[in-house]
Amino acid sequence: MFWYRFIFFSLLLLVASCASNVPKEISSTPVPEVGLVAAQKIIKAHVGKPVRWGGMIIQIDNQQEKTVLEILAKPLNTYGQPLANVASPGRFFVEFPGFIDPSLYAPGREITVYGTLTGLRKKKIGEHSYDYPVVNGVKYYLWTQPVTYGYYDPYWDGYWGYGYSYPGPYWYPWGIHGYYGHHH
C-alpha cells in the first residue's frame, strides 16, 4: 500500500512540475475568451482583445521585420496544449517581431500563442478564399511529445528455458518524464 501511495504522489508532483514551466499567459485563459469562429464572423467587435489559441504549425514565413506562422487551430486543454485528434475550428495567422528558426518551428509541430487580435487577412487555400484572423503574438510555447524510457525484463525472453517469449520491452509509468517545450 505504501508503494502505491508513493508512486501516486510522485506522479502527481511530476505532472505539477512539468506544467510549471509553461508561461502563465499560455496556461491560463484570457477573460473574456474570444473563439476563432467568433473572430472570423465579427472581427470588428474583437480587434484589440487578448486571445490564447493553439494548434499545429502549417507554414512559417520569415519576412524582413517579422515572422508569420500559419496555424491550424485546435481546442486547448487546461494547460493550454492543443488537443490531438480533435476537429479544427479553422486557421489563423500569428505574427512575431524578428526571426524564428523554421527548423525548430517546423510544420506539424504543436504551438500555443498569446497575443491580441489585429484583424482579418484573406488567403487562398487551393481555389477557396479564406479569412484568417491575425494575432499580434506576445508569448508562445512550442510543445513536444512526452519523453519515455523503457525497462525490459530479461527473465521473459525464452532464454531462461520457459519455452515462450514475452514481446518486451516493458514500459513503466514513472519513465514518462512529461512535456518539454520551448517558449518565449
Protein backbone atom coordinates (compact mmCIF):
# COMPACT_ATOMS: atom_id res chain seq x y z
CA MET A 1 0.00 0.00 0.00
CA PHE A 2 2.88 2.35 0.81
CA TRP A 3 4.38 1.94 -2.67
CA TYR A 4 1.08 2.72 -4.41
CA ARG A 5 0.81 5.98 -2.48
CA PHE A 6 4.45 6.79 -3.11
CA ILE A 7 4.07 6.23 -6.86
CA PHE A 8 0.80 8.18 -7.00
CA PHE A 9 2.24 11.24 -5.22
CA SER A 10 5.47 11.05 -7.23
CA LEU A 11 3.47 11.12 -10.47
CA LEU A 12 1.37 13.97 -9.14
CA LEU A 13 4.48 16.01 -8.35
CA LEU A 14 5.96 15.17 -11.75
CA VAL A 15 2.87 16.39 -13.59
CA ALA A 16 2.76 19.57 -11.49
CA SER A 17 6.42 20.32 -12.14
CA CYS A 18 6.05 19.76 -15.89
CA ALA A 19 3.15 22.17 -16.10
CA SER A 20 5.02 24.84 -14.15
CA ASN A 21 7.45 25.70 -16.99
CA VAL A 22 4.57 26.78 -19.25
CA PRO A 23 4.27 30.61 -19.26
CA LYS A 24 1.28 31.99 -17.34
CA GLU A 25 -0.18 33.59 -20.48
CA ILE A 26 -0.24 30.17 -22.16
CA SER A 27 -1.55 28.14 -19.21
CA SER A 28 -4.46 30.46 -18.33
CA THR A 29 -7.41 31.55 -20.43
CA PRO A 30 -7.86 35.28 -21.05
CA VAL A 31 -11.18 36.77 -19.90
CA PRO A 32 -13.30 37.20 -21.91
CA GLU A 33 -12.31 34.28 -24.12
CA VAL A 34 -12.61 35.01 -27.84
CA GLY A 35 -13.01 31.97 -30.07
CA LEU A 36 -11.61 31.67 -33.56
CA VAL A 37 -15.03 31.28 -35.22
CA ALA A 38 -16.39 34.35 -33.38
CA ALA A 39 -13.36 36.35 -34.51
CA GLN A 40 -13.93 35.32 -38.14
CA LYS A 41 -17.62 36.29 -38.03
CA ILE A 42 -17.41 39.63 -36.19
CA ILE A 43 -13.78 40.74 -36.24
CA LYS A 44 -14.57 44.41 -35.54
CA ALA A 45 -16.01 43.51 -32.13
CA HIS A 46 -12.85 41.62 -31.14
CA VAL A 47 -9.94 43.68 -32.52
CA GLY A 48 -7.51 44.52 -29.72
CA LYS A 49 -8.76 41.76 -27.40
CA PRO A 50 -6.36 39.18 -25.99
CA VAL A 51 -6.53 35.60 -27.27
CA ARG A 52 -4.85 32.34 -26.39
CA TRP A 53 -5.06 30.00 -29.36
CA GLY A 54 -3.07 26.99 -30.39
CA GLY A 55 -2.77 24.22 -32.90
CA MET A 56 -0.44 22.75 -35.48
CA ILE A 57 2.02 24.85 -37.48
CA ILE A 58 1.17 24.64 -41.19
CA GLN A 59 3.67 27.14 -42.55
CA ILE A 60 6.32 29.58 -41.35
CA ASP A 61 7.22 32.72 -43.32
CA ASN A 62 10.26 34.73 -42.16
CA GLN A 63 9.94 38.23 -43.58
CA GLN A 64 12.24 41.26 -43.26
CA GLU A 65 10.91 42.55 -39.91
CA LYS A 66 8.69 39.73 -38.64
CA THR A 67 7.80 36.04 -38.79
CA VAL A 68 4.30 34.89 -39.73
CA LEU A 69 3.09 31.46 -38.67
CA GLU A 70 0.04 29.86 -40.26
CA ILE A 71 -1.65 27.67 -37.64
CA LEU A 72 -4.35 25.01 -37.96
CA ALA A 73 -6.29 25.77 -34.77
CA LYS A 74 -7.17 23.09 -32.21
CA PRO A 75 -9.06 23.30 -28.91
CA LEU A 76 -6.72 23.57 -25.89
CA ASN A 77 -6.53 21.51 -22.70
CA THR A 78 -6.32 23.10 -19.22
CA TYR A 79 -2.56 23.74 -19.58
CA GLY A 80 -3.05 25.36 -22.99
CA GLN A 81 -1.79 22.45 -25.08
CA PRO A 82 -3.61 21.73 -28.35
CA LEU A 83 -5.72 18.57 -28.23
CA ALA A 84 -4.80 15.88 -30.73
CA ASN A 85 -7.40 14.11 -32.88
CA VAL A 86 -9.99 16.85 -32.40
CA ALA A 87 -11.69 18.74 -35.23
CA SER A 88 -10.21 22.13 -36.04
CA PRO A 89 -12.36 25.27 -35.93
CA GLY A 90 -10.19 26.85 -38.65
CA ARG A 91 -6.87 28.56 -39.30
CA PHE A 92 -5.19 31.74 -38.13
CA PHE A 93 -2.01 33.74 -38.60
CA VAL A 94 0.23 34.86 -35.77
CA GLU A 95 2.92 37.50 -36.30
CA PHE A 96 6.03 37.85 -34.15
CA PRO A 97 8.73 40.51 -34.49
CA GLY A 98 12.09 39.24 -35.69
CA PHE A 99 13.31 35.85 -36.86
CA ILE A 100 12.02 32.44 -35.74
CA ASP A 101 14.03 29.37 -36.76
CA PRO A 102 11.99 27.34 -39.28
CA SER A 103 13.89 24.14 -38.47
CA LEU A 104 12.65 24.29 -34.87
CA TYR A 105 9.20 25.72 -35.63
CA ALA A 106 8.56 23.30 -38.46
CA PRO A 107 5.21 22.36 -40.00
CA GLY A 108 3.48 19.67 -37.93
CA ARG A 109 4.70 20.98 -34.55
CA GLU A 110 2.17 21.99 -31.88
CA ILE A 111 2.24 25.57 -30.62
CA THR A 112 0.15 27.77 -28.34
CA VAL A 113 0.25 31.54 -28.71
CA TYR A 114 -0.93 34.51 -26.67
CA GLY A 115 -1.48 37.93 -28.17
CA THR A 116 -4.06 40.42 -29.42
CA LEU A 117 -6.32 40.26 -32.46
CA THR A 118 -5.45 42.80 -35.14
CA GLY A 119 -7.90 41.93 -37.93
CA LEU A 120 -8.53 39.52 -40.80
CA ARG A 121 -6.39 38.67 -43.80
CA LYS A 122 -7.60 36.80 -46.88
CA LYS A 123 -5.54 33.98 -48.36
CA LYS A 124 -6.42 31.24 -50.77
CA ILE A 125 -6.42 27.60 -49.76
CA GLY A 126 -6.39 25.95 -53.15
CA GLU A 127 -9.03 27.90 -55.07
CA HIS A 128 -11.01 28.87 -51.96
CA SER A 129 -10.58 32.33 -50.40
CA TYR A 130 -10.28 32.04 -46.61
CA ASP A 131 -10.49 34.71 -43.86
CA TYR A 132 -7.62 34.28 -41.40
CA PRO A 133 -7.82 36.06 -38.05
CA VAL A 134 -4.44 37.70 -37.39
CA VAL A 135 -2.86 37.67 -33.93
CA ASN A 136 -0.07 40.00 -32.86
CA GLY A 137 1.94 37.45 -30.85
CA VAL A 138 3.31 38.33 -27.42
CA LYS A 139 4.11 34.88 -25.99
CA TYR A 140 4.30 31.42 -27.48
CA TYR A 141 5.05 27.89 -26.36
CA LEU A 142 6.24 25.12 -28.67
CA TRP A 143 5.06 21.72 -27.41
CA THR A 144 6.86 18.43 -27.79
CA GLN A 145 5.79 14.86 -27.28
CA PRO A 146 6.34 13.07 -23.95
CA VAL A 147 9.75 11.54 -23.46
CA THR A 148 9.58 7.87 -22.43
CA TYR A 149 12.13 5.45 -21.12
CA GLY A 150 11.56 1.72 -21.04
CA TYR A 151 12.50 -1.22 -18.91
CA TYR A 152 12.98 -4.69 -20.33
CA ASP A 153 12.67 -7.75 -18.08
CA PRO A 154 15.24 -10.31 -19.29
CA TYR A 155 13.50 -13.17 -17.48
CA TRP A 156 10.72 -13.15 -20.06
CA ASP A 157 12.82 -13.77 -23.15
CA GLY A 158 12.71 -17.54 -23.68
CA TYR A 159 16.46 -17.77 -22.93
CA TRP A 160 15.69 -18.83 -19.39
CA GLY A 161 14.00 -22.02 -20.58
CA TYR A 162 10.34 -21.13 -20.04
CA GLY A 163 9.52 -22.07 -23.62
CA TYR A 164 7.93 -18.75 -24.62
CA SER A 165 8.94 -15.17 -25.19
CA TYR A 166 7.35 -12.01 -23.93
CA PRO A 167 7.30 -9.26 -26.55
CA GLY A 168 9.04 -6.73 -24.24
CA PRO A 169 10.20 -4.12 -23.55
CA TYR A 170 8.07 -3.15 -20.58
CA TRP A 171 7.08 0.49 -20.29
CA TYR A 172 6.55 1.76 -16.81
CA PRO A 173 4.64 4.88 -15.79
CA TRP A 174 7.42 6.63 -13.90
CA GLY A 175 9.52 6.53 -17.08
CA ILE A 176 7.32 9.17 -18.65
CA HIS A 177 9.08 12.42 -17.92
CA GLY A 178 6.43 14.87 -19.08
CA TYR A 179 6.32 17.53 -21.71
CA TYR A 180 9.38 19.55 -22.52
CA GLY A 181 8.72 22.56 -24.66
CA HIS A 182 10.33 25.72 -25.91
CA HIS A 183 8.78 29.05 -25.06
CA HIS A 184 9.29 32.73 -25.46
